[in-house]
Amino acid sequence: MTLFRLLILLALLAAAVSYGMFALTGQQRHRRRGWLILKWALLAAFGFFAVLFVQQLWPRA
């Protein structure tokens, strides 16, 4: 669990760095890369929390 949280955090940090590079250089490739990383990081985070939510709902034997 900690590993998945760390990977999501690192992906969000990579997206922030890409947007920072876009702000500094103005090159569109950094903005596109940042958007792509952000989309996948959010998708992974939603999936991770969906699994946690389903685990809480699932009846335990």
N, C-alpha and C. Protein backbone atom coordinates (compact mmCIF):
# COMPACT_ATOMS: atom_id res chain seq x y z
N MET A 1 0.82 -1.18 0.00
CA MET A 1 0.00 0.00 0.00
C MET A 1 0.87 1.25 0.00
N THR A 2 1.89 1.23 0.80
CA THR A 2 2.77 2.39 0.87
C THR A 2 3.48 2.59 -0.47
N LEU A 3 3.80 1.50 -1.13
CA LEU A 3 4.47 1.59 -2.42
C LEU A 3 3.58 2.28 -3.45
N PHE A 4 2.30 1.93 -3.49
CA PHE A 4 1.38 2.55 -4.44
C PHE A 4 1.21 4.04 -4.13
N ARG A 5 1.11 4.38 -2.87
CA ARG A 5 1.00 5.79 -2.50
C ARG A 5 2.24 6.56 -2.92
N LEU A 6 3.40 5.96 -2.73
CA LEU A 6 4.66 6.60 -3.11
C LEU A 6 4.74 6.78 -4.63
N LEU A 7 4.32 5.78 -5.38
CA LEU A 7 4.35 5.88 -6.84
C LEU A 7 3.41 6.96 -7.35
N ILE A 8 2.22 7.06 -6.76
CA ILE A 8 1.28 8.09 -7.16
C ILE A 8 1.83 9.47 -6.82
N LEU A 9 2.42 9.60 -5.64
CA LEU A 9 3.02 10.87 -5.25
C LEU A 9 4.16 11.26 -6.18
N LEU A 10 4.99 10.30 -6.56
CA LEU A 10 6.09 10.59 -7.47
C LEU A 10 5.58 10.98 -8.85
N ALA A 11 4.50 10.35 -9.30
CA ALA A 11 3.92 10.71 -10.60
C ALA A 11 3.37 12.14 -10.56
N LEU A 12 2.70 12.50 -9.47
CA LEU A 12 2.20 13.87 -9.34
C LEU A 12 3.34 14.87 -9.28
N LEU A 13 4.42 14.50 -8.62
CA LEU A 13 5.60 15.37 -8.56
C LEU A 13 6.22 15.52 -9.95
N ALA A 14 6.26 14.43 -10.71
CA ALA A 14 6.80 14.50 -12.08
C ALA A 14 5.94 15.41 -12.96
N ALA A 15 4.62 15.35 -12.78
CA ALA A 15 3.74 16.23 -13.54
C ALA A 15 3.99 17.69 -13.16
N ALA A 16 4.19 17.95 -11.88
CA ALA A 16 4.47 19.32 -11.44
C ALA A 16 5.79 19.82 -12.01
N VAL A 17 6.78 18.97 -12.07
CA VAL A 17 8.08 19.35 -12.64
C VAL A 17 7.93 19.64 -14.13
N SER A 18 7.13 18.83 -14.82
CA SER A 18 6.91 19.06 -16.25
C SER A 18 6.23 20.41 -16.48
N TYR A 19 5.23 20.72 -15.67
CA TYR A 19 4.57 22.01 -15.82
C TYR A 19 5.51 23.16 -15.44
N GLY A 20 6.37 22.94 -14.48
CA GLY A 20 7.37 23.95 -14.14
C GLY A 20 8.34 24.18 -15.29
N MET A 21 8.74 23.10 -15.94
CA MET A 21 9.61 23.23 -17.11
C MET A 21 8.90 23.97 -18.24
N PHE A 22 7.59 23.72 -18.39
CA PHE A 22 6.81 24.45 -19.40
C PHE A 22 6.78 25.94 -19.06
N ALA A 23 6.60 26.27 -17.78
CA ALA A 23 6.56 27.67 -17.38
C ALA A 23 7.90 28.36 -17.62
N LEU A 24 8.99 27.62 -17.44
CA LEU A 24 10.31 28.21 -17.63
C LEU A 24 10.71 28.34 -19.10
N THR A 25 10.40 27.30 -19.87
CA THR A 25 10.88 27.28 -21.25
C THR A 25 9.82 27.66 -22.27
N GLY A 26 8.55 27.43 -21.97
CA GLY A 26 7.49 27.71 -22.91
C GLY A 26 7.33 26.65 -23.98
N GLN A 27 8.05 25.53 -23.86
CA GLN A 27 7.96 24.47 -24.85
C GLN A 27 6.72 23.61 -24.58
N GLN A 28 5.94 23.41 -25.63
CA GLN A 28 4.67 22.69 -25.49
C GLN A 28 4.85 21.22 -25.13
N ARG A 29 5.99 20.64 -25.44
CA ARG A 29 6.18 19.22 -25.14
C ARG A 29 6.16 18.97 -23.64
N HIS A 30 6.64 19.93 -22.84
CA HIS A 30 6.61 19.77 -21.39
C HIS A 30 5.17 19.82 -20.86
N ARG A 31 4.36 20.68 -21.46
CA ARG A 31 2.96 20.77 -21.04
C ARG A 31 2.20 19.49 -21.40
N ARG A 32 2.44 18.97 -22.60
CA ARG A 32 1.78 17.73 -23.02
C ARG A 32 2.21 16.56 -22.14
N ARG A 33 3.50 16.48 -21.84
CA ARG A 33 4.00 15.40 -21.00
C ARG A 33 3.43 15.52 -19.59
N GLY A 34 3.36 16.73 -19.06
CA GLY A 34 2.79 16.94 -17.73
C GLY A 34 1.33 16.54 -17.68
N TRP A 35 0.56 16.88 -18.72
CA TRP A 35 -0.85 16.51 -18.77
C TRP A 35 -1.01 14.99 -18.83
N LEU A 36 -0.17 14.33 -19.62
CA LEU A 36 -0.24 12.88 -19.74
C LEU A 36 0.08 12.21 -18.41
N ILE A 37 1.13 12.66 -17.75
CA ILE A 37 1.50 12.09 -16.45
C ILE A 37 0.40 12.35 -15.42
N LEU A 38 -0.17 13.55 -15.43
CA LEU A 38 -1.23 13.89 -14.49
C LEU A 38 -2.46 13.01 -14.70
N LYS A 39 -2.85 12.79 -15.95
CA LYS A 39 -4.01 11.95 -16.24
C LYS A 39 -3.81 10.54 -15.69
N TRP A 40 -2.64 9.95 -15.95
CA TRP A 40 -2.39 8.59 -15.50
C TRP A 40 -2.25 8.51 -13.98
N ALA A 41 -1.67 9.53 -13.38
CA ALA A 41 -1.55 9.54 -11.91
C ALA A 41 -2.92 9.63 -11.25
N LEU A 42 -3.80 10.46 -11.78
CA LEU A 42 -5.15 10.57 -11.23
C LEU A 42 -5.94 9.29 -11.46
N LEU A 43 -5.78 8.68 -12.60
CA LEU A 43 -6.44 7.41 -12.87
C LEU A 43 -5.96 6.33 -11.90
N ALA A 44 -4.67 6.28 -11.66
CA ALA A 44 -4.13 5.31 -10.70
C ALA A 44 -4.62 5.60 -9.29
N ALA A 45 -4.69 6.87 -8.91
CA ALA A 45 -5.17 7.22 -7.57
C ALA A 45 -6.63 6.85 -7.40
N PHE A 46 -7.46 7.14 -8.41
CA PHE A 46 -8.87 6.77 -8.32
C PHE A 46 -9.04 5.26 -8.22
N GLY A 47 -8.26 4.52 -8.99
CA GLY A 47 -8.30 3.06 -8.92
C GLY A 47 -7.88 2.55 -7.57
N PHE A 48 -6.83 3.13 -7.02
CA PHE A 48 -6.33 2.72 -5.71
C PHE A 48 -7.39 2.94 -4.62
N PHE A 49 -7.99 4.13 -4.64
CA PHE A 49 -8.99 4.41 -3.62
C PHE A 49 -10.29 3.64 -3.85
N ALA A 50 -10.59 3.29 -5.10
CA ALA A 50 -11.75 2.45 -5.37
C ALA A 50 -11.55 1.06 -4.78
N VAL A 51 -10.34 0.54 -4.89
CA VAL A 51 -10.04 -0.77 -4.29
C VAL A 51 -10.18 -0.69 -2.77
N LEU A 52 -9.69 0.37 -2.16
CA LEU A 52 -9.84 0.54 -0.72
C LEU A 52 -11.31 0.63 -0.32
N PHE A 53 -12.10 1.33 -1.10
CA PHE A 53 -13.52 1.49 -0.82
C PHE A 53 -14.24 0.15 -0.91
N VAL A 54 -13.94 -0.62 -1.96
CA VAL A 54 -14.58 -1.93 -2.13
C VAL A 54 -14.17 -2.87 -1.01
N GLN A 55 -12.93 -2.80 -0.57
CA GLN A 55 -12.48 -3.65 0.54
C GLN A 55 -13.26 -3.35 1.80
N GLN A 56 -13.61 -2.10 2.03
CA GLN A 56 -14.38 -1.73 3.21
C GLN A 56 -15.82 -2.22 3.11
N LEU A 57 -16.36 -2.29 1.91
CA LEU A 57 -17.75 -2.72 1.72
C LEU A 57 -17.90 -4.23 1.71
N TRP A 58 -16.85 -4.93 1.31
CA TRP A 58 -16.92 -6.37 1.15
C TRP A 58 -17.06 -7.02 2.52
N PRO A 59 -18.05 -7.91 2.67
CA PRO A 59 -18.22 -8.58 3.98
C PRO A 59 -17.08 -9.54 4.26
N ARG A 60 -16.62 -9.49 5.46
CA ARG A 60 -15.50 -10.35 5.87
C ARG A 60 -16.05 -11.63 6.48
N ALA A 61 -15.39 -12.72 6.18
CA ALA A 61 -15.86 -14.01 6.69
C ALA A 61 -15.27 -14.32 8.06
